Amino acid sequence: MKLATVIFAFNEERSIGGVLGRIPASIEGIDRIDTIVVNDGSTDRTRALALERGAQVVSHPENRGLGAAFATGIDAALRTGADIIVSLDGDGQHPPEAIPQLIAPLLEGRADFATATRFGDPALVPEMPVANRFGNWFMARITGFACGRSFTDAACGFRAYSRDAAIRLNVFGAHTYTQESLLDLARKGVPMTEVPIAIRGVREHGKSRVAHNLARYGTRALAILTRGVRDRLPLAFFGAIGAVLALMGGAAEMTVLANFFLTGKTSPYQSFTILGAIFLILGAFSFLIALLADMISRMRETQETMLYLEKRRYYDDLARQHTRLDGQQQGPVPPHLAAGNREASPAVPLRME
């Protein structure tokens, strides 16, 4: 059983050494632990310090954002043949020593995805600005509603993925990935759970590159979440728009009709007749778009299934190559975490220092 710990870092020279030093050297049920640092265009000594600590480093030539760093890290971990992937930030807020606690549901077969929650246990709630706390609460409620599940924390990046869940995952946001990944995995029926863990509420050094501006973070996160709902729940998304437009049009027409029955005149609401008709037509178009988008969504599900099977073959082939190169064999993998099909697929090199 192989674990890959993926750390996202952007100018974290003051904290990256401490984070790497706190990663457990051994975990019960895990035969090997690899550490991968995604250096997202750092201009300080983050890369050098990570290499000094023995971590594998994948670097972006320039800062591309946390979402892009996440995609790079997951790709790098899958290439090494990891059976479980843990993601955490390099700023020291996420406690590496809690990794055994985080991955326990995966090892026990209770889930394929586990996310740490800062608010699941009242005794572990960290100190943080009121605005940040409200923002996290609000995003958790919206994300949970969109996923059809209940979350106490949708923004924490301290997470664990089984190999199968990581291969199934498709996210597109460059700024962040936390809410979109929950929506994607929930839609695909991946077993999920939250694990209460004590996490720092604020960074020890510097400012968060994601949430230092709460309004900007909220706007970007909502935009990503909106696109995610649009792509994954198109019938509900466009159907809701159509229903609102139809109700507005119906209300306008009913106002004119009621006034006509009471006074025998359409004035002073003549304009409502045209306005109502416009809204009703737009509502009808939205319902039509909802049906077309739902049809496209069904086609997308088929394409994602095909993509999943191809990605599984691709990463399994790369994992075999990686195992041959390092000359080490992994221990037995539990059936619920096994990648399955082991057919060959063309390999594309990724520079890992």
Protein backbone atom coordinates (compact mmCIF):
# COMPACT_ATOMS: atom_id res chain seq x y z
CA MET A 1 0.00 0.00 0.00
CA LYS A 2 1.54 3.27 -1.15
CA LEU A 3 0.71 6.76 0.10
CA ALA A 4 1.62 9.95 -1.75
CA THR A 5 1.53 13.20 0.20
CA VAL A 6 1.10 16.17 -2.15
CA ILE A 7 2.01 19.60 -0.76
CA PHE A 8 1.10 22.81 -2.59
CA ALA A 9 3.61 25.62 -2.09
CA PHE A 10 4.01 29.17 -3.35
CA ASN A 11 6.79 31.15 -1.63
CA GLU A 12 6.63 29.03 1.53
CA GLU A 13 10.36 28.99 2.45
CA ARG A 14 9.55 29.85 6.07
CA SER A 15 7.17 26.93 6.56
CA ILE A 16 7.88 24.21 3.98
CA GLY A 17 10.72 22.65 5.97
CA GLY A 18 8.57 22.33 9.07
CA VAL A 19 5.69 20.80 7.11
CA LEU A 20 7.96 18.21 5.50
CA GLY A 21 9.58 17.42 8.84
CA ARG A 22 6.20 16.64 10.42
CA ILE A 23 5.07 14.07 7.87
CA PRO A 24 4.94 10.66 9.62
CA ALA A 25 7.83 8.35 8.73
CA SER A 26 5.57 5.31 8.99
CA ILE A 27 1.82 4.67 9.16
CA GLU A 28 0.10 1.41 10.04
CA GLY A 29 -1.28 -0.17 6.87
CA ILE A 30 1.04 1.85 4.63
CA ASP A 31 4.16 0.25 3.15
CA ARG A 32 5.63 3.33 1.53
CA ILE A 33 5.21 7.10 1.82
CA ASP A 34 6.23 9.43 -1.01
CA THR A 35 6.24 13.20 -0.65
CA ILE A 36 5.62 15.46 -3.64
CA VAL A 37 5.89 19.25 -3.44
CA VAL A 38 4.17 21.23 -6.18
CA ASN A 39 6.21 24.41 -6.44
CA ASP A 40 3.72 26.82 -8.01
CA GLY A 41 6.12 29.39 -9.43
CA SER A 42 7.85 30.30 -6.15
CA THR A 43 10.48 33.02 -6.32
CA ASP A 44 12.06 32.23 -2.96
CA ARG A 45 13.92 29.11 -1.70
CA THR A 46 10.84 26.87 -1.48
CA ARG A 47 12.06 24.51 -4.19
CA ALA A 48 15.61 24.24 -2.81
CA LEU A 49 14.43 23.60 0.74
CA ALA A 50 11.99 20.93 -0.41
CA LEU A 51 14.75 19.14 -2.33
CA GLU A 52 17.05 19.36 0.68
CA ARG A 53 14.37 17.62 2.75
CA GLY A 54 14.24 14.76 0.25
CA ALA A 55 10.89 15.60 -1.33
CA GLN A 56 10.14 15.12 -5.00
CA VAL A 57 9.43 18.51 -6.57
CA VAL A 58 7.28 19.40 -9.55
CA SER A 59 7.60 23.06 -10.52
CA HIS A 60 5.45 25.46 -12.50
CA PRO A 61 7.56 28.09 -14.30
CA GLU A 62 5.11 30.75 -13.06
CA ASN A 63 2.32 30.97 -10.51
CA ARG A 64 -0.76 29.31 -11.99
CA GLY A 65 -3.08 29.15 -8.99
CA LEU A 66 -4.09 26.53 -6.45
CA GLY A 67 -6.47 24.73 -8.81
CA ALA A 68 -3.72 24.21 -11.38
CA ALA A 69 -1.28 23.13 -8.66
CA PHE A 70 -3.84 20.59 -7.44
CA ALA A 71 -4.21 19.09 -10.93
CA THR A 72 -0.41 18.85 -11.27
CA GLY A 73 -0.05 17.23 -7.86
CA ILE A 74 -2.76 14.63 -8.43
CA ASP A 75 -1.23 13.77 -11.81
CA ALA A 76 2.25 13.38 -10.29
CA ALA A 77 0.94 11.18 -7.45
CA LEU A 78 -1.01 8.92 -9.80
CA ARG A 79 2.08 8.50 -11.98
CA THR A 80 4.01 7.09 -9.01
CA GLY A 81 1.32 4.44 -8.43
CA ALA A 82 -0.06 5.88 -5.19
CA ASP A 83 -3.00 3.95 -3.73
CA ILE A 84 -3.94 6.86 -1.47
CA ILE A 85 -3.22 10.54 -2.10
CA VAL A 86 -3.26 13.16 0.65
CA SER A 87 -3.28 16.85 -0.27
CA LEU A 88 -2.28 19.67 2.05
CA ASP A 89 -0.96 23.21 1.90
CA GLY A 90 2.66 24.15 2.50
CA ASP A 91 1.83 27.06 4.81
CA GLY A 92 1.66 24.91 7.95
CA GLN A 93 -2.08 25.27 8.63
CA HIS A 94 -2.76 21.59 7.95
CA PRO A 95 -1.16 19.22 10.49
CA PRO A 96 0.80 16.47 8.67
CA GLU A 97 0.86 14.39 11.85
CA ALA A 98 -2.92 13.95 11.44
CA ILE A 99 -2.52 12.09 8.13
CA PRO A 100 -3.13 8.66 9.77
CA GLN A 101 -6.40 9.98 11.18
CA LEU A 102 -7.43 11.42 7.81
CA ILE A 103 -6.77 8.28 5.77
CA ALA A 104 -8.31 5.86 8.29
CA PRO A 105 -11.75 5.83 6.56
CA LEU A 106 -10.05 4.87 3.28
CA LEU A 107 -7.95 2.11 4.82
CA GLU A 108 -11.05 0.73 6.53
CA GLY A 109 -13.08 0.80 3.31
CA ARG A 110 -15.67 3.26 4.67
CA ALA A 111 -14.98 5.91 2.03
CA ASP A 112 -12.98 6.65 -1.10
CA PHE A 113 -12.62 10.33 -0.22
CA ALA A 114 -12.14 12.04 3.14
CA THR A 115 -11.90 15.75 3.83
CA ALA A 116 -10.81 17.33 7.08
CA THR A 117 -13.37 19.59 8.70
CA ARG A 118 -12.54 22.48 11.00
CA PHE A 119 -16.11 22.82 12.22
CA GLY A 120 -17.36 19.24 12.67
CA ASP A 121 -16.30 19.12 16.33
CA PRO A 122 -17.02 22.23 18.45
CA ALA A 123 -13.91 21.47 20.53
CA LEU A 124 -11.68 21.74 17.43
CA VAL A 125 -13.05 24.93 15.87
CA PRO A 126 -10.03 27.21 15.21
CA GLU A 127 -9.77 30.91 15.88
CA MET A 128 -10.34 32.92 12.72
CA PRO A 129 -11.86 36.26 11.70
CA VAL A 130 -15.66 36.38 11.89
CA ALA A 131 -15.92 37.23 8.20
CA ASN A 132 -13.87 34.15 7.27
CA ARG A 133 -15.97 31.95 9.54
CA PHE A 134 -19.20 33.23 7.99
CA GLY A 135 -17.78 32.81 4.49
CA ASN A 136 -16.86 29.19 5.21
CA TRP A 137 -20.31 28.50 6.68
CA PHE A 138 -22.02 30.07 3.67
CA MET A 139 -19.92 28.18 1.11
CA ALA A 140 -20.46 24.88 2.98
CA ARG A 141 -24.22 25.37 2.85
CA ILE A 142 -24.25 26.27 -0.86
CA THR A 143 -21.90 23.42 -1.77
CA GLY A 144 -23.87 20.94 0.30
CA PHE A 145 -27.12 22.04 -1.34
CA ALA A 146 -25.59 21.68 -4.83
CA CYS A 147 -24.17 18.23 -3.94
CA GLY A 148 -27.30 16.98 -2.21
CA ARG A 149 -25.21 16.28 0.90
CA SER A 150 -24.39 17.98 4.16
CA PHE A 151 -20.94 19.48 4.72
CA THR A 152 -19.61 21.40 7.70
CA ASP A 153 -16.51 22.54 5.81
CA ALA A 154 -16.26 22.74 2.01
CA ALA A 155 -13.10 24.83 1.75
CA CYS A 156 -10.48 22.84 3.66
CA GLY A 157 -7.74 21.50 1.38
CA PHE A 158 -6.52 18.80 3.77
CA ARG A 159 -7.99 15.77 2.00
CA ALA A 160 -7.42 12.11 1.17
CA TYR A 161 -8.33 10.39 -2.10
CA SER A 162 -8.27 6.74 -3.03
CA ARG A 163 -6.59 6.04 -6.34
CA ASP A 164 -9.95 5.33 -7.94
CA ALA A 165 -11.48 8.60 -6.69
CA ALA A 166 -8.47 10.60 -7.89
CA ILE A 167 -8.71 9.08 -11.36
CA ARG A 168 -12.45 9.80 -11.53
CA LEU A 169 -11.97 13.42 -10.50
CA ASN A 170 -12.18 16.14 -13.18
CA VAL A 171 -11.87 19.77 -12.09
CA PHE A 172 -11.25 22.86 -14.21
CA GLY A 173 -10.93 25.84 -11.85
CA ALA A 174 -7.44 27.40 -11.78
CA HIS A 175 -8.07 29.55 -8.70
CA THR A 176 -9.28 26.83 -6.34
CA TYR A 177 -10.57 23.28 -6.48
CA THR A 178 -12.16 22.59 -3.10
CA GLN A 179 -15.86 23.16 -3.84
CA GLU A 180 -15.75 21.93 -7.43
CA SER A 181 -14.09 18.64 -6.46
CA LEU A 182 -16.80 17.95 -3.87
CA LEU A 183 -19.49 18.57 -6.47
CA ASP A 184 -17.77 16.35 -9.04
CA LEU A 185 -17.17 13.42 -6.68
CA ALA A 186 -20.66 13.65 -5.18
CA ARG A 187 -22.24 13.57 -8.64
CA LYS A 188 -20.25 10.43 -9.48
CA GLY A 189 -21.41 8.68 -6.31
CA VAL A 190 -17.98 8.42 -4.70
CA PRO A 191 -18.32 7.46 -0.98
CA MET A 192 -17.31 10.54 1.03
CA THR A 193 -16.82 11.47 4.65
CA GLU A 194 -15.61 14.34 6.84
CA VAL A 195 -12.98 13.88 9.55
CA PRO A 196 -12.82 16.47 12.38
CA ILE A 197 -9.19 17.61 12.74
CA ALA A 198 -7.59 20.49 14.63
CA ILE A 199 -6.37 22.94 11.99
CA ARG A 200 -4.91 26.41 12.33
CA GLY A 201 -7.42 29.15 11.53
CA VAL A 202 -4.80 31.59 10.26
CA ARG A 203 -1.38 31.28 8.66
CA GLU A 204 1.71 31.59 10.81
CA HIS A 205 3.61 33.40 8.04
CA GLY A 206 2.38 35.70 5.28
CA LYS A 207 -1.08 35.87 3.75
CA SER A 208 -3.22 33.22 2.14
CA ARG A 209 -2.91 33.36 -1.63
CA VAL A 210 -6.51 32.14 -1.96
CA ALA A 211 -8.53 33.79 0.81
CA HIS A 212 -6.52 36.92 1.72
CA ASN A 213 -9.27 38.96 0.02
CA LEU A 214 -12.54 37.44 1.22
CA ALA A 215 -14.74 39.23 -1.33
CA ARG A 216 -12.50 38.20 -4.22
CA TYR A 217 -12.26 34.63 -2.96
CA GLY A 218 -16.03 34.39 -2.51
CA THR A 219 -16.68 35.76 -5.99
CA ARG A 220 -14.26 33.34 -7.62
CA ALA A 221 -15.47 30.37 -5.59
CA LEU A 222 -19.10 31.14 -6.40
CA ALA A 223 -18.24 31.47 -10.08
CA ILE A 224 -16.51 28.08 -10.06
CA LEU A 225 -19.40 26.53 -8.13
CA THR A 226 -21.96 28.06 -10.52
CA ARG A 227 -20.14 26.64 -13.53
CA GLY A 228 -19.90 23.29 -11.77
CA VAL A 229 -23.66 23.20 -11.10
CA ARG A 230 -24.34 24.31 -14.67
CA ASP A 231 -22.21 21.51 -16.11
CA ARG A 232 -23.23 18.74 -13.71
CA LEU A 233 -26.89 19.59 -12.98
CA PRO A 234 -28.00 21.30 -16.21
CA LEU A 235 -31.67 20.33 -16.04
CA ALA A 236 -32.05 21.84 -12.57
CA PHE A 237 -29.85 24.86 -13.41
CA PHE A 238 -31.57 25.97 -16.61
CA GLY A 239 -34.93 24.66 -15.45
CA ALA A 240 -34.79 26.93 -12.40
CA ILE A 241 -33.99 29.92 -14.62
CA GLY A 242 -36.91 29.01 -16.87
CA ALA A 243 -39.25 28.64 -13.91
CA VAL A 244 -38.32 32.07 -12.54
CA LEU A 245 -38.82 33.72 -15.94
CA ALA A 246 -42.13 31.92 -16.48
CA LEU A 247 -43.38 32.97 -13.04
CA MET A 248 -42.43 36.59 -13.71
CA GLY A 249 -44.19 36.50 -17.06
CA GLY A 250 -47.25 34.82 -15.59
CA ALA A 251 -47.39 37.36 -12.76
CA ALA A 252 -47.26 40.25 -15.25
CA GLU A 253 -50.03 38.77 -17.38
CA MET A 254 -52.19 37.96 -14.35
CA THR A 255 -51.83 41.55 -13.16
CA VAL A 256 -53.21 42.82 -16.48
CA LEU A 257 -55.99 40.21 -16.47
CA ALA A 258 -57.03 40.96 -12.90
CA ASN A 259 -57.13 44.69 -13.58
CA PHE A 260 -59.25 44.09 -16.70
CA PHE A 261 -61.82 42.05 -14.74
CA LEU A 262 -62.01 44.70 -12.03
CA THR A 263 -62.06 47.85 -14.18
CA GLY A 264 -62.78 46.68 -17.70
CA LYS A 265 -59.52 48.30 -18.80
CA THR A 266 -55.93 47.24 -19.27
CA SER A 267 -54.51 50.64 -18.31
CA PRO A 268 -52.29 51.51 -16.59
CA TYR A 269 -50.76 48.05 -17.12
CA GLN A 270 -50.68 47.79 -20.92
CA SER A 271 -46.89 47.50 -20.90
CA PHE A 272 -47.14 44.46 -18.62
CA THR A 273 -48.75 42.54 -21.49
CA ILE A 274 -45.64 42.85 -23.66
CA LEU A 275 -43.28 42.41 -20.71
CA GLY A 276 -45.09 39.29 -19.57
CA ALA A 277 -45.02 37.82 -23.06
CA ILE A 278 -41.28 38.42 -23.28
CA PHE A 279 -40.68 36.68 -19.96
CA LEU A 280 -42.89 33.74 -20.94
CA ILE A 281 -41.02 33.31 -24.23
CA LEU A 282 -37.66 33.50 -22.46
CA GLY A 283 -38.91 30.97 -19.91
CA ALA A 284 -39.96 28.59 -22.69
CA PHE A 285 -36.52 28.95 -24.33
CA SER A 286 -34.85 28.24 -20.97
CA PHE A 287 -36.90 25.06 -20.55
CA LEU A 288 -35.85 24.00 -24.05
CA ILE A 289 -32.21 24.72 -23.23
CA ALA A 290 -32.62 22.70 -20.02
CA LEU A 291 -33.77 19.66 -22.00
CA LEU A 292 -30.94 20.00 -24.52
CA ALA A 293 -28.36 20.54 -21.75
CA ASP A 294 -29.65 17.45 -19.92
CA MET A 295 -29.23 15.41 -23.10
CA ILE A 296 -25.68 16.73 -23.49
CA SER A 297 -25.04 15.93 -19.81
CA ARG A 298 -26.01 12.30 -20.39
CA MET A 299 -23.57 12.17 -23.29
CA ARG A 300 -20.94 13.72 -21.01
CA GLU A 301 -21.49 10.97 -18.43
CA THR A 302 -20.73 8.37 -21.08
CA GLN A 303 -17.63 10.29 -22.18
CA GLU A 304 -16.43 10.63 -18.58
CA THR A 305 -16.81 6.89 -18.08
CA MET A 306 -14.68 6.28 -21.16
CA LEU A 307 -12.19 8.90 -19.94
CA TYR A 308 -12.00 7.22 -16.54
CA LEU A 309 -11.21 3.83 -18.09
CA GLU A 310 -8.54 5.34 -20.34
CA LYS A 311 -6.99 7.34 -17.47
CA ARG A 312 -6.91 4.21 -15.32
CA ARG A 313 -5.03 2.29 -18.00
CA TYR A 314 -2.71 5.25 -18.58
CA TYR A 315 -1.79 5.78 -14.92
CA ASP A 316 -1.49 2.07 -14.19
CA ASP A 317 1.06 1.77 -16.98
CA LEU A 318 3.03 4.75 -15.65
CA ALA A 319 2.88 3.28 -12.14
CA ARG A 320 4.40 0.01 -13.39
CA GLN A 321 7.17 1.95 -15.11
CA HIS A 322 7.83 3.93 -11.93
CA THR A 323 7.96 0.75 -9.86
CA ARG A 324 10.46 -0.81 -12.24
CA LEU A 325 12.63 2.31 -12.17
CA ASP A 326 12.86 2.59 -8.41
CA GLY A 327 13.24 -1.19 -8.06
CA GLN A 328 10.75 -1.45 -5.22
CA GLN A 329 7.55 -3.44 -5.02
CA GLN A 330 4.49 -2.26 -3.16
CA GLY A 331 2.70 -4.29 -0.54
CA PRO A 332 -0.75 -5.85 -1.09
CA VAL A 333 -3.53 -3.39 -1.83
CA PRO A 334 -7.02 -3.87 -0.31
CA PRO A 335 -9.67 -4.69 -2.96
CA HIS A 336 -11.64 -1.48 -2.31
CA LEU A 337 -8.57 0.61 -3.19
CA ALA A 338 -7.21 -1.48 -6.08
CA ALA A 339 -6.90 0.32 -9.40
CA GLY A 340 -8.13 -2.71 -11.32
CA ASN A 341 -7.28 -3.05 -15.02
CA ARG A 342 -3.52 -3.11 -15.67
CA GLU A 343 -3.33 -2.74 -19.44
CA ALA A 344 -0.55 -0.69 -21.02
CA SER A 345 -0.96 2.88 -22.25
CA PRO A 346 1.46 5.42 -23.78
CA ALA A 347 3.47 7.32 -21.21
CA VAL A 348 4.05 11.06 -21.26
CA PRO A 349 7.04 12.19 -19.17
CA LEU A 350 6.60 14.61 -16.28
CA ARG A 351 9.69 16.30 -14.93
CA MET A 352 9.96 15.48 -11.25
CA GLU A 353 13.08 16.63 -9.42
